[in-house]
Amino acid sequence: MIDDALTEKQDPKSKIIGRAQGFYSVAAQQEIALIMVMNFVFVEGKYKGSSISILGRNPVMNDVREMPIVGGTGLFRFARGYVLAHTVWFDANTGDAIVEYNVYVSHDRNQGLLKLRQNLKESSKGNGKRL
């Protein structure tokens, strides 16, 4: 399960603007790749109450991974586009990571680029993420 902070900057202590929520599973046998079902749910700022839905394959060993945006809610109703994920920092011992998402989205109100960072935290309760 995923329920991680989306922050304005790469610093995990920076302002939280939303949550990355969803789940992932192993999607390949010959390489490390995940199937990601994830929503970016915004809780602050202009996009508060809106979300972006992402569904796609994440080959985690690639420097940059592209996944499609398949929809959204609120200001992102009818959203289409893609995200580019890049792991900025990863601790193999704890599973903690900071992943930057560049979001290219078009929707019914405007087009634009959002820069989001997903701060992943490995938890002793098994809620952590490993990329």
C-alpha atoms as a PDB file:
ATOM      1  CA  MET A   1       0.000   0.000   0.000  1.00  0.00           C
ATOM      2  CA  ILE A   2       1.070   3.571  -0.665  1.00  0.00           C
ATOM      3  CA  ASP A   3       0.145   6.540   1.505  1.00  0.00           C
ATOM      4  CA  ASP A   4       3.127   8.878   1.276  1.00  0.00           C
ATOM      5  CA  ALA A   5       3.616  12.627   1.555  1.00  0.00           C
ATOM      6  CA  LEU A   6       3.815  14.803  -1.569  1.00  0.00           C
ATOM      7  CA  THR A   7       6.033  17.740  -0.679  1.00  0.00           C
ATOM      8  CA  GLU A   8       6.970  21.006  -2.367  1.00  0.00           C
ATOM      9  CA  LYS A   9      10.697  20.299  -2.192  1.00  0.00           C
ATOM     10  CA  GLN A  10      12.978  17.285  -1.946  1.00  0.00           C
ATOM     11  CA  ASP A  11      13.422  17.872   1.786  1.00  0.00           C
ATOM     12  CA  PRO A  12      11.038  15.522   3.650  1.00  0.00           C
ATOM     13  CA  LYS A  13      10.417  18.366   6.125  1.00  0.00           C
ATOM     14  CA  SER A  14       9.167  20.745   3.428  1.00  0.00           C
ATOM     15  CA  LYS A  15       5.485  21.665   3.129  1.00  0.00           C
ATOM     16  CA  ILE A  16       3.151  18.739   2.445  1.00  0.00           C
ATOM     17  CA  ILE A  17       0.823  19.560  -0.460  1.00  0.00           C
ATOM     18  CA  GLY A  18      -0.787  16.149  -0.841  1.00  0.00           C
ATOM     19  CA  ARG A  19      -0.569  12.390  -0.521  1.00  0.00           C
ATOM     20  CA  ALA A  20       0.469   9.663  -2.963  1.00  0.00           C
ATOM     21  CA  GLN A  21      -2.053   6.905  -2.284  1.00  0.00           C
ATOM     22  CA  GLY A  22      -2.605   3.525  -3.927  1.00  0.00           C
ATOM     23  CA  PHE A  23      -0.730   0.259  -4.287  1.00  0.00           C
ATOM     24  CA  TYR A  24       1.896  -1.505  -6.369  1.00  0.00           C
ATOM     25  CA  SER A  25       2.885  -5.048  -7.170  1.00  0.00           C
ATOM     26  CA  VAL A  26       5.725  -6.842  -8.929  1.00  0.00           C
ATOM     27  CA  ALA A  27       5.056  -6.769 -12.675  1.00  0.00           C
ATOM     28  CA  ALA A  28       8.001  -8.643 -14.243  1.00  0.00           C
ATOM     29  CA  GLN A  29      10.070 -11.779 -13.782  1.00  0.00           C
ATOM     30  CA  GLN A  30      13.217 -10.801 -15.688  1.00  0.00           C
ATOM     31  CA  GLU A  31      13.756  -7.331 -14.175  1.00  0.00           C
ATOM     32  CA  ILE A  32      12.668  -5.206 -11.237  1.00  0.00           C
ATOM     33  CA  ALA A  33       9.455  -3.554 -12.402  1.00  0.00           C
ATOM     34  CA  LEU A  34       6.260  -2.660 -10.600  1.00  0.00           C
ATOM     35  CA  ILE A  35       2.698  -2.019 -11.687  1.00  0.00           C
ATOM     36  CA  MET A  36       1.688   1.252 -10.032  1.00  0.00           C
ATOM     37  CA  VAL A  37      -1.898   2.233  -9.222  1.00  0.00           C
ATOM     38  CA  MET A  38      -1.508   5.615  -7.585  1.00  0.00           C
ATOM     39  CA  ASN A  39      -3.441   8.813  -6.932  1.00  0.00           C
ATOM     40  CA  PHE A  40      -1.862  12.151  -6.133  1.00  0.00           C
ATOM     41  CA  VAL A  41      -4.427  13.645  -3.749  1.00  0.00           C
ATOM     42  CA  PHE A  42      -3.889  17.360  -3.103  1.00  0.00           C
ATOM     43  CA  VAL A  43      -4.608  18.778   0.362  1.00  0.00           C
ATOM     44  CA  GLU A  44      -3.141  22.297   0.027  1.00  0.00           C
ATOM     45  CA  GLY A  45      -3.019  25.195  -2.393  1.00  0.00           C
ATOM     46  CA  LYS A  46      -4.729  25.740  -5.723  1.00  0.00           C
ATOM     47  CA  TYR A  47      -5.321  22.017  -6.287  1.00  0.00           C
ATOM     48  CA  LYS A  48      -6.738  21.225  -2.807  1.00  0.00           C
ATOM     49  CA  GLY A  49      -9.511  18.645  -3.130  1.00  0.00           C
ATOM     50  CA  SER A  50      -8.359  17.501  -6.588  1.00  0.00           C
ATOM     51  CA  SER A  51      -6.461  14.378  -7.585  1.00  0.00           C
ATOM     52  CA  ILE A  52      -4.507  12.851 -10.466  1.00  0.00           C
ATOM     53  CA  SER A  53      -4.743   9.104 -11.197  1.00  0.00           C
ATOM     54  CA  ILE A  54      -1.693   7.203 -12.468  1.00  0.00           C
ATOM     55  CA  LEU A  55      -1.680   3.621 -13.736  1.00  0.00           C
ATOM     56  CA  GLY A  56       1.389   2.075 -15.318  1.00  0.00           C
ATOM     57  CA  ARG A  57       4.560   0.055 -15.293  1.00  0.00           C
ATOM     58  CA  ASN A  58       7.498   1.348 -13.227  1.00  0.00           C
ATOM     59  CA  PRO A  59      10.879  -0.224 -14.148  1.00  0.00           C
ATOM     60  CA  VAL A  60      12.493   1.012 -10.930  1.00  0.00           C
ATOM     61  CA  MET A  61      16.119   0.490 -11.966  1.00  0.00           C
ATOM     62  CA  ASN A  62      15.765   3.013 -14.827  1.00  0.00           C
ATOM     63  CA  ASP A  63      16.925   6.539 -14.007  1.00  0.00           C
ATOM     64  CA  VAL A  64      13.687   8.063 -15.344  1.00  0.00           C
ATOM     65  CA  ARG A  65      10.431   6.128 -15.579  1.00  0.00           C
ATOM     66  CA  GLU A  66       7.359   7.237 -17.544  1.00  0.00           C
ATOM     67  CA  MET A  67       3.847   6.317 -16.420  1.00  0.00           C
ATOM     68  CA  PRO A  68       0.500   7.466 -17.856  1.00  0.00           C
ATOM     69  CA  ILE A  69      -2.049   9.727 -16.199  1.00  0.00           C
ATOM     70  CA  VAL A  70      -5.423   8.070 -16.789  1.00  0.00           C
ATOM     71  CA  GLY A  71      -7.757  10.560 -15.118  1.00  0.00           C
ATOM     72  CA  GLY A  72      -8.382  12.861 -12.220  1.00  0.00           C
ATOM     73  CA  THR A  73     -10.922  14.657 -10.074  1.00  0.00           C
ATOM     74  CA  GLY A  74     -11.767  18.273  -9.269  1.00  0.00           C
ATOM     75  CA  LEU A  75      -9.552  20.645 -11.251  1.00  0.00           C
ATOM     76  CA  PHE A  76      -8.031  17.591 -12.957  1.00  0.00           C
ATOM     77  CA  ARG A  77     -11.320  16.183 -14.260  1.00  0.00           C
ATOM     78  CA  PHE A  78     -10.710  14.518 -17.671  1.00  0.00           C
ATOM     79  CA  ALA A  79      -6.949  14.628 -17.054  1.00  0.00           C
ATOM     80  CA  ARG A  80      -4.594  12.909 -19.477  1.00  0.00           C
ATOM     81  CA  GLY A  81      -0.832  12.999 -19.619  1.00  0.00           C
ATOM     82  CA  TYR A  82       2.174  11.329 -18.096  1.00  0.00           C
ATOM     83  CA  VAL A  83       4.545  11.489 -15.155  1.00  0.00           C
ATOM     84  CA  LEU A  84       8.297  11.118 -15.204  1.00  0.00           C
ATOM     85  CA  ALA A  85       9.588   9.569 -11.977  1.00  0.00           C
ATOM     86  CA  HIS A  86      13.210   9.932 -10.873  1.00  0.00           C
ATOM     87  CA  THR A  87      14.632   8.518  -7.653  1.00  0.00           C
ATOM     88  CA  VAL A  88      16.593  11.337  -6.028  1.00  0.00           C
ATOM     89  CA  TRP A  89      17.681   9.418  -2.923  1.00  0.00           C
ATOM     90  CA  PHE A  90      17.360   5.821  -1.785  1.00  0.00           C
ATOM     91  CA  ASP A  91      18.558   4.050   1.370  1.00  0.00           C
ATOM     92  CA  ALA A  92      18.851   0.331   0.629  1.00  0.00           C
ATOM     93  CA  ASN A  93      19.060  -0.503   4.346  1.00  0.00           C
ATOM     94  CA  THR A  94      15.776   1.144   5.342  1.00  0.00           C
ATOM     95  CA  GLY A  95      13.883   1.330   2.036  1.00  0.00           C
ATOM     96  CA  ASP A  96      13.462   5.095   2.520  1.00  0.00           C
ATOM     97  CA  ALA A  97      13.472   7.081  -0.714  1.00  0.00           C
ATOM     98  CA  ILE A  98      12.725  10.454  -2.217  1.00  0.00           C
ATOM     99  CA  VAL A  99      11.223  10.267  -5.701  1.00  0.00           C
ATOM    100  CA  GLU A 100      10.670  13.365  -7.834  1.00  0.00           C
ATOM    101  CA  TYR A 101       7.673  13.318 -10.166  1.00  0.00           C
ATOM    102  CA  ASN A 102       7.474  15.713 -13.095  1.00  0.00           C
ATOM    103  CA  VAL A 103       3.801  15.736 -14.041  1.00  0.00           C
ATOM    104  CA  TYR A 104       2.700  16.705 -17.553  1.00  0.00           C
ATOM    105  CA  VAL A 105      -1.074  16.968 -17.547  1.00  0.00           C
ATOM    106  CA  SER A 106      -3.806  18.379 -19.732  1.00  0.00           C
ATOM    107  CA  HIS A 107      -7.354  18.615 -18.459  1.00  0.00           C
ATOM    108  CA  ASP A 108     -10.533  20.557 -19.040  1.00  0.00           C
ATOM    109  CA  ARG A 109      -9.367  23.801 -17.398  1.00  0.00           C
ATOM    110  CA  ASN A 110      -5.745  24.302 -18.528  1.00  0.00           C
ATOM    111  CA  GLN A 111      -2.466  22.608 -19.300  1.00  0.00           C
ATOM    112  CA  GLY A 112       0.634  22.683 -17.185  1.00  0.00           C
ATOM    113  CA  LEU A 113       3.601  21.114 -15.486  1.00  0.00           C
ATOM    114  CA  LEU A 114       3.659  20.235 -11.814  1.00  0.00           C
ATOM    115  CA  LYS A 115       6.782  19.218  -9.951  1.00  0.00           C
ATOM    116  CA  LEU A 116       6.020  16.862  -7.102  1.00  0.00           C
ATOM    117  CA  ARG A 117       8.192  14.912  -4.741  1.00  0.00           C
ATOM    118  CA  GLN A 118       7.012  11.732  -3.155  1.00  0.00           C
ATOM    119  CA  ASN A 119       8.772  11.085   0.125  1.00  0.00           C
ATOM    120  CA  LEU A 120       8.721   7.388   0.815  1.00  0.00           C
ATOM    121  CA  LYS A 121       9.283   6.155   4.338  1.00  0.00           C
ATOM    122  CA  GLU A 122       9.819   2.495   5.246  1.00  0.00           C
ATOM    123  CA  SER A 123       7.678   1.682   8.245  1.00  0.00           C
ATOM    124  CA  SER A 124       8.015  -1.057  10.826  1.00  0.00           C
ATOM    125  CA  LYS A 125       4.259  -1.633  10.409  1.00  0.00           C
ATOM    126  CA  GLY A 126       4.749  -2.839   6.824  1.00  0.00           C
ATOM    127  CA  ASN A 127       3.277   0.300   5.243  1.00  0.00           C
ATOM    128  CA  GLY A 128       6.599   1.303   3.691  1.00  0.00           C
ATOM    129  CA  LYS A 129       7.595   1.404   0.092  1.00  0.00           C
ATOM    130  CA  ARG A 130      10.650  -0.064  -1.543  1.00  0.00           C
ATOM    131  CA  LEU A 131      11.787   1.249  -4.938  1.00  0.00           C
END
